[in-house]
PDB file of all heavy atoms in Angstrom:
ATOM      1  N   GLN A   1     -45.834 158.397 160.501  1.00  0.00           N
ATOM      2  CA  GLN A   1     -44.487 158.583 161.047  1.00  0.00           C
ATOM      3  C   GLN A   1     -43.473 158.046 160.035  1.00  0.00           C
ATOM      4  O   GLN A   1     -43.490 156.860 159.692  1.00  0.00           O
ATOM      5  CB  GLN A   1     -44.355 157.869 162.384  1.00  0.00           C
ATOM      6  CG  GLN A   1     -45.424 158.257 163.404  1.00  0.00           C
ATOM      7  CD  GLN A   1     -45.365 159.732 163.781  1.00  0.00           C
ATOM      8  OE1 GLN A   1     -44.437 160.174 164.463  1.00  0.00           O
ATOM      9  NE2 GLN A   1     -46.360 160.507 163.338  1.00  0.00           N
ATOM     10  N   ILE A   2     -42.588 158.926 159.564  1.00  0.00           N
ATOM     11  CA  ILE A   2     -41.713 158.617 158.428  1.00  0.00           C
ATOM     12  C   ILE A   2     -40.255 158.535 158.851  1.00  0.00           C
ATOM     13  O   ILE A   2     -39.772 159.342 159.643  1.00  0.00           O
ATOM     14  CB  ILE A   2     -41.872 159.685 157.324  1.00  0.00           C
ATOM     15  CG1 ILE A   2     -43.323 159.707 156.824  1.00  0.00           C
ATOM     16  CG2 ILE A   2     -40.921 159.424 156.164  1.00  0.00           C
ATOM     17  CD1 ILE A   2     -43.607 160.828 155.857  1.00  0.00           C
ATOM     18  N   GLY A   3     -39.559 157.561 158.266  1.00  0.00           N
ATOM     19  CA  GLY A   3     -38.116 157.460 158.382  1.00  0.00           C
ATOM     20  C   GLY A   3     -37.479 157.653 157.021  1.00  0.00           C
ATOM     21  O   GLY A   3     -37.919 157.049 156.028  1.00  0.00           O
ATOM     22  N   ILE A   4     -36.473 158.501 156.956  1.00  0.00           N
ATOM     23  CA  ILE A   4     -35.791 158.823 155.700  1.00  0.00           C
ATOM     24  C   ILE A   4     -34.459 158.090 155.635  1.00  0.00           C
ATOM     25  O   ILE A   4     -33.656 158.173 156.565  1.00  0.00           O
ATOM     26  CB  ILE A   4     -35.517 160.337 155.584  1.00  0.00           C
ATOM     27  CG1 ILE A   4     -36.822 161.138 155.659  1.00  0.00           C
ATOM     28  CG2 ILE A   4     -34.743 160.657 154.306  1.00  0.00           C
ATOM     29  CD1 ILE A   4     -37.707 161.003 154.468  1.00  0.00           C
ATOM     30  N   VAL A   5     -34.221 157.387 154.530  1.00  0.00           N
ATOM     31  CA  VAL A   5     -32.911 156.781 154.283  1.00  0.00           C
ATOM     32  C   VAL A   5     -32.315 157.470 153.055  1.00  0.00           C
ATOM     33  O   VAL A   5     -32.810 157.314 151.942  1.00  0.00           O
ATOM     34  CB  VAL A   5     -33.005 155.271 154.049  1.00  0.00           C
ATOM     35  CG1 VAL A   5     -31.605 154.693 153.830  1.00  0.00           C
ATOM     36  CG2 VAL A   5     -33.678 154.580 155.229  1.00  0.00           C
ATOM     37  N   GLY A   6     -31.271 158.252 153.292  1.00  0.00           N
ATOM     38  CA  GLY A   6     -30.654 159.038 152.227  1.00  0.00           C
ATOM     39  C   GLY A   6     -31.042 160.489 152.356  1.00  0.00           C
ATOM     40  O   GLY A   6     -32.169 160.869 152.002  1.00  0.00           O
ATOM     41  N   CYS A   7     -30.142 161.311 152.873  1.00  0.00           N
ATOM     42  CA  CYS A   7     -30.442 162.722 153.140  1.00  0.00           C
ATOM     43  C   CYS A   7     -29.686 163.657 152.199  1.00  0.00           C
ATOM     44  O   CYS A   7     -29.214 164.727 152.593  1.00  0.00           O
ATOM     45  CB  CYS A   7     -30.119 163.050 154.599  1.00  0.00           C
ATOM     46  SG  CYS A   7     -31.054 162.076 155.794  1.00  0.00           S
ATOM     47  N   GLY A   8     -29.551 163.241 150.952  1.00  0.00           N
ATOM     48  CA  GLY A   8     -28.842 164.036 149.951  1.00  0.00           C
ATOM     49  C   GLY A   8     -29.749 164.975 149.190  1.00  0.00           C
ATOM     50  O   GLY A   8     -30.768 165.459 149.710  1.00  0.00           O
ATOM     51  N   GLY A   9     -29.398 165.203 147.904  1.00  0.00           N
ATOM     52  CA  GLY A   9     -30.068 166.217 147.106  1.00  0.00           C
ATOM     53  C   GLY A   9     -31.559 166.013 146.928  1.00  0.00           C
ATOM     54  O   GLY A   9     -32.356 166.919 147.167  1.00  0.00           O
ATOM     55  N   ILE A  10     -31.972 164.820 146.501  1.00  0.00           N
ATOM     56  CA  ILE A  10     -33.386 164.607 146.205  1.00  0.00           C
ATOM     57  C   ILE A  10     -34.221 164.660 147.470  1.00  0.00           C
ATOM     58  O   ILE A  10     -35.385 165.075 147.443  1.00  0.00           O
ATOM     59  CB  ILE A  10     -33.595 163.271 145.447  1.00  0.00           C
ATOM     60  CG1 ILE A  10     -34.959 163.258 144.748  1.00  0.00           C
ATOM     61  CG2 ILE A  10     -33.426 162.077 146.364  1.00  0.00           C
ATOM     62  CD1 ILE A  10     -35.087 164.225 143.620  1.00  0.00           C
ATOM     63  N   ALA A  11     -33.658 164.272 148.602  1.00  0.00           N
ATOM     64  CA  ALA A  11     -34.379 164.369 149.874  1.00  0.00           C
ATOM     65  C   ALA A  11     -34.603 165.825 150.252  1.00  0.00           C
ATOM     66  O   ALA A  11     -35.704 166.225 150.653  1.00  0.00           O
ATOM     67  CB  ALA A  11     -33.611 163.647 150.975  1.00  0.00           C
ATOM     68  N   ASN A  12     -33.548 166.640 150.124  1.00  0.00           N
ATOM     69  CA  ASN A  12     -33.632 168.040 150.527  1.00  0.00           C
ATOM     70  C   ASN A  12     -34.374 168.915 149.530  1.00  0.00           C
ATOM     71  O   ASN A  12     -35.003 169.903 149.924  1.00  0.00           O
ATOM     72  CB  ASN A  12     -32.218 168.597 150.736  1.00  0.00           C
ATOM     73  CG  ASN A  12     -31.618 168.155 152.050  1.00  0.00           C
ATOM     74  OD1 ASN A  12     -31.900 168.734 153.094  1.00  0.00           O
ATOM     75  ND2 ASN A  12     -30.797 167.110 152.018  1.00  0.00           N
ATOM     76  N   GLN A  13     -34.316 168.563 148.271  1.00  0.00           N
ATOM     77  CA  GLN A  13     -34.933 169.402 147.247  1.00  0.00           C
ATOM     78  C   GLN A  13     -36.383 169.036 146.957  1.00  0.00           C
ATOM     79  O   GLN A  13     -37.151 169.882 146.527  1.00  0.00           O
ATOM     80  CB  GLN A  13     -34.129 169.295 145.942  1.00  0.00           C
ATOM     81  CG  GLN A  13     -32.729 169.847 146.027  1.00  0.00           C
ATOM     82  CD  GLN A  13     -32.711 171.354 146.180  1.00  0.00           C
ATOM     83  OE1 GLN A  13     -33.565 172.051 145.658  1.00  0.00           O
ATOM     84  NE2 GLN A  13     -31.725 171.870 146.895  1.00  0.00           N
ATOM     85  N   LYS A  14     -36.750 167.787 147.180  1.00  0.00           N
ATOM     86  CA  LYS A  14     -38.106 167.342 146.837  1.00  0.00           C
ATOM     87  C   LYS A  14     -38.869 166.795 148.043  1.00  0.00           C
ATOM     88  O   LYS A  14     -39.892 167.348 148.446  1.00  0.00           O
ATOM     89  CB  LYS A  14     -38.053 166.290 145.724  1.00  0.00           C
ATOM     90  CG  LYS A  14     -39.378 165.619 145.410  1.00  0.00           C
ATOM     91  CD  LYS A  14     -39.199 164.444 144.458  1.00  0.00           C
ATOM     92  CE  LYS A  14     -40.425 163.575 144.405  1.00  0.00           C
ATOM     93  NZ  LYS A  14     -40.240 162.367 143.580  1.00  0.00           N
ATOM     94  N   HIS A  15     -38.389 165.726 148.619  1.00  0.00           N
ATOM     95  CA  HIS A  15     -39.206 164.960 149.548  1.00  0.00           C
ATOM     96  C   HIS A  15     -39.435 165.652 150.886  1.00  0.00           C
ATOM     97  O   HIS A  15     -40.574 165.759 151.354  1.00  0.00           O
ATOM     98  CB  HIS A  15     -38.585 163.577 149.774  1.00  0.00           C
ATOM     99  CG  HIS A  15     -38.670 162.699 148.573  1.00  0.00           C
ATOM    100  ND1 HIS A  15     -39.774 161.937 148.286  1.00  0.00           N
ATOM    101  CD2 HIS A  15     -37.790 162.481 147.557  1.00  0.00           C
ATOM    102  CE1 HIS A  15     -39.584 161.279 147.155  1.00  0.00           C
ATOM    103  NE2 HIS A  15     -38.384 161.587 146.694  1.00  0.00           N
ATOM    104  N   MET A  16     -38.375 166.102 151.533  1.00  0.00           N
ATOM    105  CA  MET A  16     -38.551 166.684 152.862  1.00  0.00           C
ATOM    106  C   MET A  16     -39.305 168.013 152.831  1.00  0.00           C
ATOM    107  O   MET A  16     -40.163 168.241 153.691  1.00  0.00           O
ATOM    108  CB  MET A  16     -37.199 166.773 153.574  1.00  0.00           C
ATOM    109  CG  MET A  16     -36.626 165.387 153.873  1.00  0.00           C
ATOM    110  SD  MET A  16     -35.154 165.325 154.933  1.00  0.00           S
ATOM    111  CE  MET A  16     -33.922 166.172 153.920  1.00  0.00           C
ATOM    112  N   PRO A  17     -39.074 168.891 151.845  1.00  0.00           N
ATOM    113  CA  PRO A  17     -39.933 170.076 151.766  1.00  0.00           C
ATOM    114  C   PRO A  17     -41.399 169.729 151.516  1.00  0.00           C
ATOM    115  O   PRO A  17     -42.293 170.398 152.041  1.00  0.00           O
ATOM    116  CB  PRO A  17     -39.335 170.855 150.582  1.00  0.00           C
ATOM    117  CG  PRO A  17     -37.915 170.420 150.525  1.00  0.00           C
ATOM    118  CD  PRO A  17     -37.933 168.981 150.907  1.00  0.00           C
ATOM    119  N   ALA A  18     -41.647 168.673 150.730  1.00  0.00           N
ATOM    120  CA  ALA A  18     -43.030 168.259 150.483  1.00  0.00           C
ATOM    121  C   ALA A  18     -43.684 167.755 151.763  1.00  0.00           C
ATOM    122  O   ALA A  18     -44.854 168.049 152.040  1.00  0.00           O
ATOM    123  CB  ALA A  18     -43.058 167.174 149.402  1.00  0.00           C
ATOM    124  N   MET A  19     -42.936 167.004 152.567  1.00  0.00           N
ATOM    125  CA  MET A  19     -43.484 166.525 153.843  1.00  0.00           C
ATOM    126  C   MET A  19     -43.740 167.687 154.792  1.00  0.00           C
ATOM    127  O   MET A  19     -44.733 167.688 155.536  1.00  0.00           O
ATOM    128  CB  MET A  19     -42.519 165.521 154.472  1.00  0.00           C
ATOM    129  CG  MET A  19     -42.387 164.224 153.693  1.00  0.00           C
ATOM    130  SD  MET A  19     -41.105 163.167 154.397  1.00  0.00           S
ATOM    131  CE  MET A  19     -40.487 162.382 152.908  1.00  0.00           C
ATOM    132  N   LYS A  20     -42.867 168.659 154.758  1.00  0.00           N
ATOM    133  CA  LYS A  20     -43.068 169.849 155.598  1.00  0.00           C
ATOM    134  C   LYS A  20     -44.343 170.576 155.181  1.00  0.00           C
ATOM    135  O   LYS A  20     -45.099 171.071 156.035  1.00  0.00           O
ATOM    136  CB  LYS A  20     -41.858 170.776 155.488  1.00  0.00           C
ATOM    137  CG  LYS A  20     -41.891 171.971 156.424  1.00  0.00           C
ATOM    138  CD  LYS A  20     -40.594 172.756 156.344  1.00  0.00           C
ATOM    139  CE  LYS A  20     -40.591 173.922 157.327  1.00  0.00           C
ATOM    140  NZ  LYS A  20     -39.303 174.677 157.278  1.00  0.00           N
ATOM    141  N   ALA A  21     -44.596 170.639 153.870  1.00  0.00           N
ATOM    142  CA  ALA A  21     -45.811 171.284 153.372  1.00  0.00           C
ATOM    143  C   ALA A  21     -47.058 170.490 153.752  1.00  0.00           C
ATOM    144  O   ALA A  21     -48.157 171.048 153.808  1.00  0.00           O
ATOM    145  CB  ALA A  21     -45.733 171.444 151.856  1.00  0.00           C
ATOM    146  N   ASN A  22     -46.887 169.188 153.992  1.00  0.00           N
ATOM    147  CA  ASN A  22     -48.000 168.321 154.380  1.00  0.00           C
ATOM    148  C   ASN A  22     -47.889 167.902 155.844  1.00  0.00           C
ATOM    149  O   ASN A  22     -48.228 166.777 156.212  1.00  0.00           O
ATOM    150  CB  ASN A  22     -48.022 167.076 153.486  1.00  0.00           C
ATOM    151  CG  ASN A  22     -48.399 167.401 152.056  1.00  0.00           C
ATOM    152  OD1 ASN A  22     -49.299 168.212 151.813  1.00  0.00           O
ATOM    153  ND2 ASN A  22     -47.722 166.780 151.099  1.00  0.00           N
ATOM    154  N   ALA A  23     -47.442 168.821 156.668  1.00  0.00           N
ATOM    155  CA  ALA A  23     -47.193 168.511 158.082  1.00  0.00           C
ATOM    156  C   ALA A  23     -48.456 168.129 158.840  1.00  0.00           C
ATOM    157  O   ALA A  23     -48.381 167.563 159.938  1.00  0.00           O
ATOM    158  CB  ALA A  23     -46.525 169.702 158.772  1.00  0.00           C
ATOM    159  N   ASP A  24     -49.620 168.409 158.273  1.00  0.00           N
ATOM    160  CA  ASP A  24     -50.861 167.988 158.920  1.00  0.00           C
ATOM    161  C   ASP A  24     -51.097 166.489 158.794  1.00  0.00           C
ATOM    162  O   ASP A  24     -51.907 165.917 159.527  1.00  0.00           O
ATOM    163  CB  ASP A  24     -52.053 168.736 158.320  1.00  0.00           C
ATOM    164  CG  ASP A  24     -52.196 168.514 156.819  1.00  0.00           C
ATOM    165  OD1 ASP A  24     -51.168 168.578 156.110  1.00  0.00           O
ATOM    166  OD2 ASP A  24     -53.333 168.282 156.366  1.00  0.00           O
ATOM    167  N   LEU A  25     -50.338 165.839 157.884  1.00  0.00           N
ATOM    168  CA  LEU A  25     -50.516 164.413 157.653  1.00  0.00           C
ATOM    169  C   LEU A  25     -49.345 163.562 158.113  1.00  0.00           C
ATOM    170  O   LEU A  25     -49.494 162.340 158.251  1.00  0.00           O
ATOM    171  CB  LEU A  25     -50.757 164.136 156.155  1.00  0.00           C
ATOM    172  CG  LEU A  25     -51.993 164.754 155.515  1.00  0.00           C
ATOM    173  CD1 LEU A  25     -52.084 164.331 154.058  1.00  0.00           C
ATOM    174  CD2 LEU A  25     -53.258 164.365 156.264  1.00  0.00           C
TER     175      LEU A  25
END
């Protein structure tokens, strides 16, 4: 269970799409 601090460019371009791709984890 993840909490994100900072929802700008790097979150939207890298981290959150990667978590979506790993939604099984």
